[in-house]
N, C-alpha and C. Protein backbone atom coordinates (compact mmCIF):
# COMPACT_ATOMS: atom_id res chain seq x y z
N PHE A 1 68.37 132.16 88.04
CA PHE A 1 66.59 132.09 87.62
C PHE A 1 65.85 133.11 87.69
N GLU A 2 65.00 133.27 86.96
CA GLU A 2 64.28 134.49 86.37
C GLU A 2 62.97 134.88 87.47
N SER A 3 63.12 134.06 88.47
CA SER A 3 61.83 134.44 89.40
C SER A 3 62.21 133.60 90.59
N PRO A 4 61.56 134.48 91.98
CA PRO A 4 61.80 134.05 92.84
C PRO A 4 61.12 132.81 93.37
N GLY A 5 61.35 131.89 94.92
CA GLY A 5 60.72 130.66 95.14
C GLY A 5 61.64 129.87 95.20
N GLN A 6 60.70 128.62 95.40
CA GLN A 6 61.59 127.27 95.60
C GLN A 6 62.16 126.79 94.43
N LYS A 7 63.23 126.42 94.17
CA LYS A 7 64.00 125.99 93.01
C LYS A 7 64.48 124.47 93.07
N ARG A 8 64.36 123.71 92.08
CA ARG A 8 64.61 122.43 92.19
C ARG A 8 66.20 122.49 91.24
N LEU A 9 67.37 122.03 92.21
CA LEU A 9 68.73 121.62 91.08
C LEU A 9 69.02 119.98 91.53
N THR A 10 69.54 119.88 90.57
CA THR A 10 69.82 118.17 90.19
C THR A 10 71.78 118.10 90.57
N LEU A 11 71.83 117.37 91.62
CA LEU A 11 73.23 117.29 92.00
C LEU A 11 73.74 115.97 91.72
N LYS A 12 74.72 115.64 90.75
CA LYS A 12 75.04 114.75 90.23
C LYS A 12 76.53 114.38 90.52
N VAL A 13 76.83 112.93 90.98
CA VAL A 13 77.94 112.51 91.72
C VAL A 13 78.54 111.31 91.13
N VAL A 14 79.87 111.29 90.78
CA VAL A 14 80.13 110.36 89.89
C VAL A 14 81.43 109.96 91.03
N VAL A 15 81.44 108.40 91.22
CA VAL A 15 82.43 107.85 92.25
C VAL A 15 83.19 106.47 91.42
N GLN A 16 84.48 106.61 91.68
CA GLN A 16 84.95 104.82 91.37
C GLN A 16 85.42 104.18 92.63
N ASP A 17 85.13 102.88 92.37
CA ASP A 17 85.31 102.23 93.60
C ASP A 17 86.87 101.59 93.42
N ASP A 18 87.00 100.47 94.60
CA ASP A 18 88.56 99.88 94.30
C ASP A 18 88.78 98.88 93.09
N ALA A 19 87.67 98.37 92.40
CA ALA A 19 87.97 97.56 91.15
C ALA A 19 88.01 98.32 89.83
N GLY A 20 87.77 100.10 90.30
CA GLY A 20 88.04 100.90 88.81
C GLY A 20 86.73 100.82 88.27
N GLU A 21 85.41 100.51 88.76
CA GLU A 21 84.27 100.54 88.21
C GLU A 21 83.64 102.03 88.58
N TYR A 22 83.06 102.76 87.92
CA TYR A 22 82.14 104.14 88.14
C TYR A 22 80.69 103.94 88.34
N TYR A 23 80.52 104.84 89.41
CA TYR A 23 78.92 104.76 89.61
C TYR A 23 78.28 106.31 89.67
N SER A 24 77.20 106.20 89.12
CA SER A 24 76.62 107.68 89.10
C SER A 24 75.32 107.92 89.83
N TYR A 25 75.15 108.84 90.75
CA TYR A 25 74.34 109.00 91.77
C TYR A 25 73.60 110.67 91.48
N THR A 26 72.45 110.59 91.32
CA THR A 26 71.67 111.90 90.87
C THR A 26 70.97 112.14 92.39
N TYR A 27 70.83 113.46 92.74
CA TYR A 27 70.12 113.90 93.86
C TYR A 27 69.41 115.14 93.59
N PRO A 28 68.03 115.20 93.81
CA PRO A 28 67.34 116.47 93.95
C PRO A 28 67.83 117.43 95.11
N VAL A 29 68.34 118.66 94.75
CA VAL A 29 68.38 119.42 95.80
C VAL A 29 67.50 120.94 95.48
N TYR A 30 66.62 121.23 96.76
CA TYR A 30 65.91 122.41 96.61
C TYR A 30 66.86 123.59 97.48
N VAL A 31 66.34 124.82 96.71
CA VAL A 31 67.08 126.41 97.12
C VAL A 31 65.95 127.12 97.04
N GLU A 32 66.09 128.16 97.98
CA GLU A 32 65.26 129.37 98.09
C GLU A 32 65.62 130.34 97.40
N VAL A 33 64.95 130.87 96.48
CA VAL A 33 65.38 131.95 95.73
C VAL A 33 64.74 133.43 95.88
N SER A 34 65.43 134.54 96.72
CA SER A 34 64.88 135.51 96.99
C SER A 34 64.77 136.67 95.66
N ASP A 35 63.99 137.56 96.13
CA ASP A 35 63.56 138.93 95.01
C ASP A 35 65.22 139.51 95.47
N PRO A 36 65.51 139.86 94.29
CA PRO A 36 66.88 140.98 94.95
C PRO A 36 66.40 142.29 95.19
N THR A 37 67.02 142.45 96.36
CA THR A 37 66.93 143.84 97.31
C THR A 37 67.83 144.54 97.04
N VAL A 38 67.36 146.07 96.42
CA VAL A 38 68.66 147.30 96.25
C VAL A 38 68.42 148.09 97.25
N ARG A 39 69.11 147.89 98.33
CA ARG A 39 69.25 149.02 99.48
C ARG A 39 70.65 149.45 99.78
N ALA A 40 70.84 150.90 99.48
CA ALA A 40 72.28 151.46 99.78
C ALA A 40 72.20 152.79 100.46
N SER A 41 73.38 153.08 101.09
CA SER A 41 73.60 154.09 101.73
C SER A 41 75.22 154.65 101.75
N LEU A 42 74.81 156.08 101.52
CA LEU A 42 76.19 157.01 101.71
C LEU A 42 76.19 157.62 103.00
N SER A 43 77.61 157.73 103.29
CA SER A 43 77.96 158.37 104.59
C SER A 43 79.37 158.97 104.51
N ALA A 44 79.34 160.05 105.02
CA ALA A 44 80.52 161.01 105.08
C ALA A 44 81.02 161.26 106.10
N GLY A 45 82.58 161.39 106.12
CA GLY A 45 83.01 161.76 107.54
C GLY A 45 84.50 162.20 107.30
N THR A 46 85.42 162.22 107.98
CA THR A 46 86.92 162.88 107.81
C THR A 46 87.84 161.74 108.06
N PRO A 47 88.61 161.46 106.94
CA PRO A 47 89.74 160.54 106.82
C PRO A 47 90.51 160.41 107.88
N GLU A 48 91.22 159.19 108.15
CA GLU A 48 92.24 159.39 109.32
C GLU A 48 93.40 160.55 109.25
N SER A 49 93.65 160.54 107.84
CA SER A 49 94.58 161.68 107.51
C SER A 49 94.11 163.05 107.88
N GLY A 50 92.92 163.36 108.06
CA GLY A 50 92.25 164.62 108.54
C GLY A 50 92.06 165.50 107.37
N SER A 51 92.21 164.95 106.04
CA SER A 51 92.39 165.92 105.17
C SER A 51 91.18 165.41 104.19
N GLY A 52 90.48 166.38 103.62
CA GLY A 52 89.37 165.70 102.48
C GLY A 52 88.00 165.42 103.38
N THR A 53 87.32 164.61 102.32
CA THR A 53 85.96 163.93 102.65
C THR A 53 86.17 162.41 102.31
N GLU A 54 85.72 161.59 103.46
CA GLU A 54 85.34 160.15 103.36
C GLU A 54 83.99 160.05 102.88
N LEU A 55 84.17 159.26 101.76
CA LEU A 55 82.52 158.56 101.27
C LEU A 55 82.63 156.95 101.71
N THR A 56 81.63 156.87 102.20
CA THR A 56 81.41 155.32 102.34
C THR A 56 80.13 154.96 101.90
N LEU A 57 80.24 154.04 100.85
CA LEU A 57 78.65 153.47 100.12
C LEU A 57 78.76 151.84 100.97
N THR A 58 77.51 151.81 101.85
CA THR A 58 77.49 150.47 102.02
C THR A 58 76.18 149.88 101.48
N ASN A 59 76.27 148.56 101.52
CA ASN A 59 75.24 147.74 100.62
C ASN A 59 74.21 147.01 102.05
N PHE A 60 73.23 147.14 102.11
CA PHE A 60 72.32 146.70 103.08
C PHE A 60 71.51 146.05 102.11
N GLY A 61 71.24 145.40 100.72
CA GLY A 61 70.57 144.72 100.22
C GLY A 61 71.07 143.43 100.18
N ASN A 62 70.74 142.50 99.23
CA ASN A 62 71.22 141.34 99.40
C ASN A 62 71.55 140.76 97.54
N THR A 63 72.15 141.99 96.77
CA THR A 63 72.74 141.34 95.36
C THR A 63 73.83 142.49 95.35
N ASN A 64 74.86 142.07 94.55
CA ASN A 64 75.96 142.91 94.51
C ASN A 64 75.52 144.35 94.07
N LEU A 65 76.45 145.46 94.42
CA LEU A 65 76.37 146.75 93.55
C LEU A 65 77.95 146.63 92.80
N THR A 66 77.66 146.82 91.59
CA THR A 66 78.73 146.41 90.41
C THR A 66 78.72 148.16 89.76
N ASP A 67 79.77 148.15 89.03
CA ASP A 67 80.19 149.44 88.15
C ASP A 67 79.87 150.95 89.09
N VAL A 68 80.58 150.63 90.28
CA VAL A 68 79.85 151.87 91.12
C VAL A 68 81.12 152.68 90.76
N GLU A 69 80.51 154.30 90.67
CA GLU A 69 81.22 155.48 90.84
C GLU A 69 80.39 156.26 91.45
N ILE A 70 81.40 157.26 92.23
CA ILE A 70 80.69 158.32 93.28
C ILE A 70 81.29 159.68 92.72
N ALA A 71 80.28 160.68 92.36
CA ALA A 71 80.49 161.89 91.56
C ALA A 71 80.40 163.11 92.45
N ALA A 72 81.03 163.99 92.53
CA ALA A 72 81.10 165.03 93.64
C ALA A 72 80.78 166.29 92.79
N THR A 73 79.67 167.08 92.83
CA THR A 73 79.21 168.31 92.28
C THR A 73 79.06 169.44 93.38
N ALA A 74 79.46 170.43 92.98
CA ALA A 74 79.01 171.84 93.87
C ALA A 74 78.24 172.84 92.66
N ASP A 75 77.21 173.40 93.32
CA ASP A 75 76.77 174.48 92.78
C ASP A 75 76.04 174.20 91.25
N GLY A 76 76.08 172.62 90.90
CA GLY A 76 75.49 172.09 89.57
C GLY A 76 76.77 171.84 88.95
N GLU A 77 78.33 172.18 89.43
CA GLU A 77 79.32 171.66 88.56
C GLU A 77 79.91 170.74 89.08
N PRO A 78 80.70 169.71 88.24
CA PRO A 78 81.38 168.77 88.44
C PRO A 78 82.69 169.00 89.24
N ILE A 79 82.99 168.44 90.20
CA ILE A 79 84.49 168.39 90.71
C ILE A 79 85.28 167.23 90.77
N GLU A 80 84.73 166.05 91.09
CA GLU A 80 85.69 165.16 90.89
C GLU A 80 84.91 163.60 90.80
N ARG A 81 85.50 162.56 90.31
CA ARG A 81 84.97 161.33 90.06
C ARG A 81 85.82 160.23 90.49
N ASN A 82 84.94 159.61 91.48
CA ASN A 82 86.02 158.29 92.15
C ASN A 82 85.30 157.04 91.86
N PHE A 83 86.12 155.96 91.71
CA PHE A 83 85.61 154.71 91.04
C PHE A 83 85.79 153.73 92.24
N LEU A 84 84.71 152.84 92.66
CA LEU A 84 84.87 151.97 93.60
C LEU A 84 84.81 150.32 93.03
N PHE A 85 85.43 149.59 93.99
CA PHE A 85 85.26 148.15 93.37
C PHE A 85 83.83 147.92 93.79
N ASP A 86 83.42 146.51 93.37
CA ASP A 86 82.13 146.09 93.87
C ASP A 86 81.83 146.00 95.01
N VAL A 87 80.68 146.02 95.28
CA VAL A 87 80.22 146.09 96.95
C VAL A 87 79.17 144.92 97.17
N GLY A 88 79.63 144.01 97.70
CA GLY A 88 78.76 142.71 97.91
C GLY A 88 77.91 142.90 99.47
N PRO A 89 76.82 142.32 99.44
CA PRO A 89 75.84 142.52 100.14
C PRO A 89 76.62 142.11 101.75
N GLY A 90 76.26 143.34 102.43
CA GLY A 90 76.81 143.35 104.05
C GLY A 90 78.41 144.10 104.05
N SER A 91 78.49 144.83 103.10
CA SER A 91 79.85 145.22 102.97
C SER A 91 79.83 146.66 102.74
N SER A 92 81.11 147.16 102.57
CA SER A 92 81.35 148.70 102.41
C SER A 92 82.68 148.81 101.53
N GLN A 93 82.49 149.93 100.85
CA GLN A 93 83.64 150.57 99.89
C GLN A 93 83.69 152.17 100.39
N SER A 94 85.01 152.60 100.48
CA SER A 94 85.18 153.89 100.72
C SER A 94 86.09 154.77 99.80
N THR A 95 86.04 155.98 99.54
CA THR A 95 86.88 156.59 98.79
C THR A 95 87.05 158.29 99.40
N VAL A 96 88.21 158.68 99.10
CA VAL A 96 88.20 159.94 99.67
C VAL A 96 88.45 161.34 98.54
N PHE A 97 87.59 162.28 98.70
CA PHE A 97 87.84 163.26 97.81
C PHE A 97 88.58 164.67 98.36
N ASP A 98 89.12 165.25 97.41
CA ASP A 98 89.76 166.15 98.08
C ASP A 98 89.08 167.73 98.14
N THR A 99 88.41 168.03 99.15
CA THR A 99 87.39 168.93 99.30
C THR A 99 88.14 170.29 100.20
N ASP A 100 89.29 170.21 100.54
CA ASP A 100 89.96 171.07 101.59
C ASP A 100 90.07 172.65 100.75
N ASP A 101 90.37 172.76 99.36
CA ASP A 101 90.34 174.16 98.94
C ASP A 101 89.25 174.46 98.68
N LEU A 102 88.03 173.90 98.26
CA LEU A 102 87.08 174.11 97.71
C LEU A 102 86.27 175.60 98.58
N GLU A 103 85.88 176.33 97.66
CA GLU A 103 85.17 177.56 97.81
C GLU A 103 83.80 177.50 98.59
N THR A 104 83.24 176.60 97.99
CA THR A 104 81.63 176.36 98.20
C THR A 104 81.53 175.28 99.44
N ASP A 105 80.31 175.69 100.18
CA ASP A 105 80.16 175.28 101.88
C ASP A 105 79.39 173.75 101.36
N THR A 106 78.54 173.59 100.45
CA THR A 106 78.08 172.34 100.34
C THR A 106 78.20 171.45 98.96
N VAL A 107 78.41 170.23 99.18
CA VAL A 107 79.00 169.41 98.20
C VAL A 107 77.80 168.24 98.23
N THR A 108 77.54 167.78 96.64
CA THR A 108 76.62 166.60 96.77
C THR A 108 77.29 165.64 95.95
N PHE A 109 77.29 164.52 96.89
CA PHE A 109 78.07 163.38 96.25
C PHE A 109 76.62 162.19 95.70
N THR A 110 77.07 161.81 94.46
CA THR A 110 76.21 161.07 94.14
C THR A 110 76.85 159.59 93.80
N ALA A 111 76.33 158.79 94.14
CA ALA A 111 76.92 157.11 94.03
C ALA A 111 76.22 156.69 92.72
N THR A 112 76.69 156.17 91.70
CA THR A 112 75.68 155.32 90.46
C THR A 112 76.49 154.10 90.58
N TYR A 113 75.48 153.03 90.45
CA TYR A 113 75.38 151.52 90.68
C TYR A 113 74.51 150.65 89.93
N SER A 114 74.82 149.69 89.37
CA SER A 114 74.16 148.68 88.68
C SER A 114 73.79 147.45 89.92
N ALA A 115 72.39 147.08 90.13
CA ALA A 115 72.20 145.94 90.90
C ALA A 115 70.98 145.60 90.39
N GLY A 116 70.71 144.48 90.41
CA GLY A 116 69.47 143.80 90.29
C GLY A 116 68.97 144.14 88.82
N GLY A 117 69.84 144.13 87.73
CA GLY A 117 69.05 144.19 86.62
C GLY A 117 69.05 145.43 86.27
N GLY A 118 69.32 146.44 87.07
CA GLY A 118 69.31 148.11 86.78
C GLY A 118 70.18 149.04 87.43
N SER A 119 69.91 150.43 86.76
CA SER A 119 70.97 151.20 87.44
C SER A 119 70.27 152.01 88.42
N HIS A 120 70.68 152.24 89.56
CA HIS A 120 70.38 152.93 90.59
C HIS A 120 71.43 154.06 91.03
N THR A 121 70.93 155.15 92.17
CA THR A 121 71.62 156.25 92.32
C THR A 121 71.26 156.52 93.84
N THR A 122 72.14 156.88 94.47
CA THR A 122 72.27 157.16 96.10
C THR A 122 72.93 158.55 96.31
N SER A 123 72.20 159.55 96.91
CA SER A 123 73.14 160.73 96.85
C SER A 123 73.03 161.40 98.18
N LEU A 124 73.88 162.54 98.60
CA LEU A 124 74.08 162.88 99.66
C LEU A 124 74.51 164.04 99.78
N ASP A 125 74.19 165.38 100.51
CA ASP A 125 74.51 166.79 100.49
C ASP A 125 75.21 166.75 101.78
N VAL A 126 76.72 167.16 101.67
CA VAL A 126 77.50 167.43 102.40
C VAL A 126 77.86 168.73 102.89
N ASP A 127 77.85 168.80 104.56
CA ASP A 127 78.26 170.54 104.60
C ASP A 127 79.77 170.17 105.06
N LEU A 128 80.92 171.22 104.25
CA LEU A 128 81.90 171.20 104.62
C LEU A 128 82.48 171.78 105.72
N ASP A 129 81.38 172.62 106.27
CA ASP A 129 81.76 173.18 107.35
C ASP A 129 81.25 172.50 108.76
N ASP A 130 80.47 171.61 108.62
CA ASP A 130 79.93 170.83 109.63
C ASP A 130 80.42 169.21 109.39
N GLN A 131 81.61 168.72 109.61
CA GLN A 131 82.16 167.62 109.24
C GLN A 131 82.18 166.57 110.83
N THR A 132 81.63 167.11 111.69
CA THR A 132 81.37 166.35 112.77
C THR A 132 80.92 165.11 112.82
N PRO A 133 81.53 163.92 113.34
CA PRO A 133 80.93 162.57 113.56
C PRO A 133 79.61 162.80 113.56
N VAL A 134 78.89 161.75 112.92
CA VAL A 134 77.25 161.25 113.13
C VAL A 134 77.30 160.34 114.20
N THR A 135 76.39 160.68 115.32
CA THR A 135 76.13 159.53 116.37
C THR A 135 75.71 158.41 115.66
N GLY A 136 76.20 157.20 116.68
CA GLY A 136 75.82 155.94 115.82
C GLY A 136 74.19 155.81 116.30
N GLU A 137 73.70 155.02 115.37
CA GLU A 137 72.27 154.99 115.19
C GLU A 137 71.63 153.76 114.84
N ILE A 138 71.49 152.84 115.59
CA ILE A 138 70.96 151.40 115.18
C ILE A 138 69.65 151.38 114.70
N ARG A 139 69.28 150.75 113.42
CA ARG A 139 68.04 150.55 112.71
C ARG A 139 67.76 149.15 112.13
N LEU A 140 67.00 148.47 112.06
CA LEU A 140 66.70 146.99 111.71
C LEU A 140 66.56 147.17 110.60
N THR A 141 66.70 146.31 109.47
CA THR A 141 67.03 146.13 107.92
C THR A 141 66.94 145.03 107.59
N GLY A 142 66.17 144.82 106.25
CA GLY A 142 66.15 143.62 106.08
C GLY A 142 65.54 142.26 106.67
N VAL A 143 64.29 142.70 107.61
CA VAL A 143 63.66 141.73 108.30
C VAL A 143 62.98 140.50 107.78
N GLU A 144 63.23 139.82 108.11
CA GLU A 144 62.31 138.50 107.69
C GLU A 144 61.96 137.58 108.64
N VAL A 145 60.48 137.24 108.65
CA VAL A 145 59.78 136.38 109.65
C VAL A 145 59.35 135.18 108.95
N THR A 146 59.81 134.24 109.87
CA THR A 146 58.90 132.83 109.27
C THR A 146 58.21 132.34 110.78
N ARG A 147 57.56 131.51 110.15
CA ARG A 147 56.14 131.11 111.34
C ARG A 147 55.90 129.75 111.25
N SER A 148 56.09 129.08 112.24
CA SER A 148 55.60 127.51 112.26
C SER A 148 54.96 127.30 113.62
N GLY A 149 53.82 126.93 113.34
CA GLY A 149 52.70 126.70 114.11
C GLY A 149 52.89 128.27 115.51
N THR A 150 53.03 128.12 116.68
CA THR A 150 53.25 129.34 117.51
C THR A 150 54.71 129.67 117.63
N GLY A 151 55.79 129.02 116.78
CA GLY A 151 57.07 129.59 117.03
C GLY A 151 57.36 130.81 115.72
N ILE A 152 58.02 131.72 116.17
CA ILE A 152 58.13 132.86 115.18
C ILE A 152 60.01 133.01 115.25
N THR A 153 60.46 133.05 114.09
CA THR A 153 61.86 133.36 113.68
C THR A 153 61.93 134.53 113.35
N ILE A 154 62.70 135.37 113.55
CA ILE A 154 62.97 137.17 113.30
C ILE A 154 64.39 136.84 112.54
N GLN A 155 64.85 137.45 111.65
CA GLN A 155 66.19 137.47 110.56
C GLN A 155 66.30 138.81 110.30
N GLY A 156 67.46 139.28 110.38
CA GLY A 156 67.80 140.47 109.76
C GLY A 156 69.02 140.91 110.26
N ASP A 157 69.15 142.31 109.49
CA ASP A 157 70.37 143.09 109.99
C ASP A 157 70.07 144.65 110.92
N ALA A 158 70.98 144.53 111.78
CA ALA A 158 70.91 145.79 112.63
C ALA A 158 72.12 146.62 112.02
N ALA A 159 71.70 147.71 111.49
CA ALA A 159 72.51 148.62 110.70
C ALA A 159 73.06 149.95 111.45
N ASN A 160 74.17 150.01 111.66
CA ASN A 160 74.63 151.57 112.38
C ASN A 160 74.61 152.59 111.41
N LEU A 161 73.51 153.47 111.42
CA LEU A 161 73.34 154.41 110.24
C LEU A 161 74.46 155.83 110.55
N GLY A 162 74.79 155.42 111.58
CA GLY A 162 76.04 156.74 111.63
C GLY A 162 77.33 156.38 111.50
N THR A 163 78.22 157.45 111.59
CA THR A 163 79.68 157.27 111.33
C THR A 163 80.62 156.85 112.77
N THR A 164 80.05 157.10 113.84
CA THR A 164 80.97 156.55 115.03
C THR A 164 80.04 155.24 115.59
N ASP A 165 81.29 154.66 116.09
CA ASP A 165 80.96 152.97 116.57
C ASP A 165 79.81 153.04 117.52
N THR A 166 79.31 151.90 117.51
CA THR A 166 78.32 151.78 118.82
C THR A 166 78.86 150.50 119.54
N GLN A 167 78.41 150.30 120.87
CA GLN A 167 78.81 149.15 121.66
C GLN A 167 77.40 148.82 122.20
N SER A 168 77.87 147.25 122.52
CA SER A 168 76.92 146.74 123.35
C SER A 168 75.57 146.56 122.92
N VAL A 169 75.46 146.24 121.53
CA VAL A 169 73.73 146.40 121.10
C VAL A 169 73.66 145.11 121.42
N LEU A 170 72.24 145.06 121.74
CA LEU A 170 71.37 144.30 122.16
C LEU A 170 69.77 144.23 121.24
N VAL A 171 69.41 143.14 120.96
CA VAL A 171 68.10 143.07 120.27
C VAL A 171 67.34 142.01 121.14
N ARG A 172 65.97 142.50 121.31
CA ARG A 172 65.52 141.33 122.19
C ARG A 172 64.08 141.29 121.83
N VAL A 173 63.21 140.26 122.15
CA VAL A 173 61.72 140.17 122.06
C VAL A 173 61.08 140.43 123.44
N PRO A 174 60.55 141.69 123.50
CA PRO A 174 59.90 141.56 125.29
C PRO A 174 58.62 141.07 125.34
N ASP A 175 58.31 140.92 126.22
CA ASP A 175 57.17 140.01 126.57
C ASP A 175 55.80 141.17 126.19
N ALA A 176 54.79 140.59 125.65
CA ALA A 176 53.61 141.91 125.04
C ALA A 176 52.67 140.81 125.15
N ASP A 177 51.46 141.41 124.53
CA ASP A 177 50.00 140.70 124.54
C ASP A 177 50.39 139.65 123.49
N GLY A 178 49.86 138.41 124.02
CA GLY A 178 50.18 137.10 122.98
C GLY A 178 51.36 136.84 122.20
N VAL A 179 52.60 137.54 122.91
CA VAL A 179 53.90 137.63 122.40
C VAL A 179 54.94 137.01 123.69
N SER A 180 55.86 136.11 123.23
CA SER A 180 56.68 136.01 124.67
C SER A 180 58.07 135.66 123.90
N PRO A 181 59.17 136.08 124.43
CA PRO A 181 60.68 135.45 123.87
C PRO A 181 60.76 133.71 124.26
N ALA A 182 61.57 133.11 123.15
CA ALA A 182 61.60 131.70 123.34
C ALA A 182 63.13 131.37 122.97
N PRO A 183 63.43 130.16 123.74
CA PRO A 183 64.45 129.70 123.21
C PRO A 183 64.71 129.42 122.03
N PRO A 184 66.00 129.23 121.26
CA PRO A 184 67.19 129.38 121.94
C PRO A 184 67.60 130.80 121.91
N SER A 185 66.46 132.10 121.39
CA SER A 185 67.28 133.38 121.00
C SER A 185 66.25 134.32 121.27
N GLY A 186 65.61 134.26 122.70
CA GLY A 186 64.90 135.49 123.08
C GLY A 186 65.47 136.84 122.86
N GLU A 187 66.61 136.77 122.93
CA GLU A 187 67.31 137.90 122.94
C GLU A 187 68.75 137.67 122.18
N TYR A 188 69.33 138.57 121.50
CA TYR A 188 70.59 138.14 120.58
C TYR A 188 71.54 139.23 121.10
N PHE A 189 72.54 139.22 121.87
CA PHE A 189 73.56 140.23 121.62
C PHE A 189 74.61 140.26 120.28
N ILE A 190 74.90 141.72 119.96
CA ILE A 190 75.62 141.60 118.92
C ILE A 190 77.19 142.33 119.24
N GLY A 191 77.10 143.26 120.16
CA GLY A 191 78.25 143.77 120.52
C GLY A 191 78.47 145.06 119.98
N ALA A 192 79.81 145.41 119.13
CA ALA A 192 79.89 146.56 118.77
C ALA A 192 79.47 146.26 117.05
N ILE A 193 79.28 147.56 116.87
CA ILE A 193 78.68 147.62 115.40
C ILE A 193 79.42 148.99 114.89
N GLU A 194 80.16 149.26 114.22
CA GLU A 194 81.10 149.98 113.52
C GLU A 194 80.33 150.92 112.72
N GLY A 195 80.56 152.25 112.48
CA GLY A 195 79.91 153.20 111.77
C GLY A 195 79.86 152.93 110.55
N SER A 196 78.52 152.82 109.80
CA SER A 196 78.13 152.57 108.32
C SER A 196 78.15 151.15 108.10
N GLU A 197 78.27 150.12 109.24
CA GLU A 197 78.36 148.68 109.06
C GLU A 197 77.01 148.09 109.76
N PHE A 198 76.96 146.78 109.57
CA PHE A 198 75.81 146.23 110.06
C PHE A 198 76.13 144.62 110.68
N ALA A 199 75.21 144.18 111.41
CA ALA A 199 75.86 142.76 112.02
C ALA A 199 74.29 142.16 111.90
N ARG A 200 74.31 140.71 111.65
CA ARG A 200 73.06 139.93 111.70
C ARG A 200 72.60 139.32 112.73
N PHE A 201 71.43 139.37 112.91
CA PHE A 201 70.86 138.81 114.12
C PHE A 201 69.82 137.98 113.73
N GLU A 202 69.05 136.86 114.88
CA GLU A 202 68.17 135.89 114.70
C GLU A 202 67.27 136.08 116.10
N LEU A 203 66.18 136.11 116.23
CA LEU A 203 65.09 136.33 117.47
C LEU A 203 64.45 135.21 117.01
N THR A 204 64.07 134.35 118.22
CA THR A 204 62.90 133.59 118.61
C THR A 204 61.91 133.71 119.36
N ALA A 205 60.57 133.56 119.13
CA ALA A 205 59.32 133.92 119.85
C ALA A 205 58.16 133.13 119.68
N HIS A 206 57.39 133.14 121.07
CA HIS A 206 56.23 132.41 120.83
C HIS A 206 55.01 133.46 120.17
N ALA A 207 54.15 133.15 119.85
CA ALA A 207 53.23 134.08 119.52
C ALA A 207 51.76 133.46 119.07
N GLU A 208 50.82 133.81 119.72
CA GLU A 208 49.15 133.15 119.54
C GLU A 208 48.82 133.51 118.30
N SER A 209 48.13 132.57 117.84
CA SER A 209 47.55 132.44 116.12
C SER A 209 46.95 133.80 115.61
N ASP A 210 46.43 134.48 116.51
CA ASP A 210 45.70 135.77 116.04
C ASP A 210 46.94 137.15 116.02
N VAL A 211 48.11 136.77 116.67
CA VAL A 211 49.11 137.96 116.72
C VAL A 211 49.31 138.32 115.09
N SER A 212 49.65 139.45 114.83
CA SER A 212 50.12 140.01 113.57
C SER A 212 51.24 140.55 113.55
N SER A 213 51.74 141.12 114.97
CA SER A 213 52.92 141.85 114.63
C SER A 213 53.69 141.20 116.01
N VAL A 214 55.09 141.38 115.88
CA VAL A 214 56.11 141.05 116.71
C VAL A 214 56.87 142.21 117.64
N PRO A 215 56.95 142.79 118.72
CA PRO A 215 58.09 143.86 118.87
C PRO A 215 59.28 143.30 118.96
N VAL A 216 60.11 144.30 118.66
CA VAL A 216 61.35 143.88 118.77
C VAL A 216 62.30 145.35 119.50
N GLU A 217 62.88 145.14 120.65
CA GLU A 217 63.64 146.28 121.39
C GLU A 217 65.15 146.28 120.87
N ILE A 218 65.86 147.52 120.89
CA ILE A 218 67.03 147.38 120.62
C ILE A 218 67.38 148.69 121.49
N SER A 219 68.86 148.27 122.10
CA SER A 219 69.42 148.97 123.42
C SER A 219 70.76 148.71 122.72
N TYR A 220 71.85 149.55 123.25
CA TYR A 220 73.09 149.99 123.04
C TYR A 220 73.54 151.17 123.47
């Protein structure tokens, strides 16, 4: 589809009965098409082998990242270039660069990929002298809110922006002015989220007609 919104598809079903007669049925099917959202992040860490630098590209958007390559440069000079498989929404791909014998302290890694009909880049500067893991940090991304009367549904992703795992992740709607949590999902327990990964959540709440925002609390 060339534009977002509700689109109509036609489903055609052909069946054969016991007598060998064929019958054809046509049904309309409506689907909701969203704008492509391109959102990606690079993170760096030490691979399990303990040698080199591992780069992870995570897709936080809703469209595939294709033709993915990550280039390493230092002081403006190219060092190495690695290619990755396509990265689907909600997934990650990793590759390891040989950085142990480099004389420079800082390396710039740049991911180039195609998504949503265009070319995009994401860059990350890595201090090779400081390869300590980045503490896990949860942030909400791709949040969508739908309203029906006083009922509110909030859907999105809880993304771990660090390289260490987070545990006991809980998102909830607190009581506030004109807002209260509502069944069935006033709070949503996600559990563990690995570094540079994310998990889907859904919350439900009641909100008065004049309320323009709904608070969401995160604990982990």
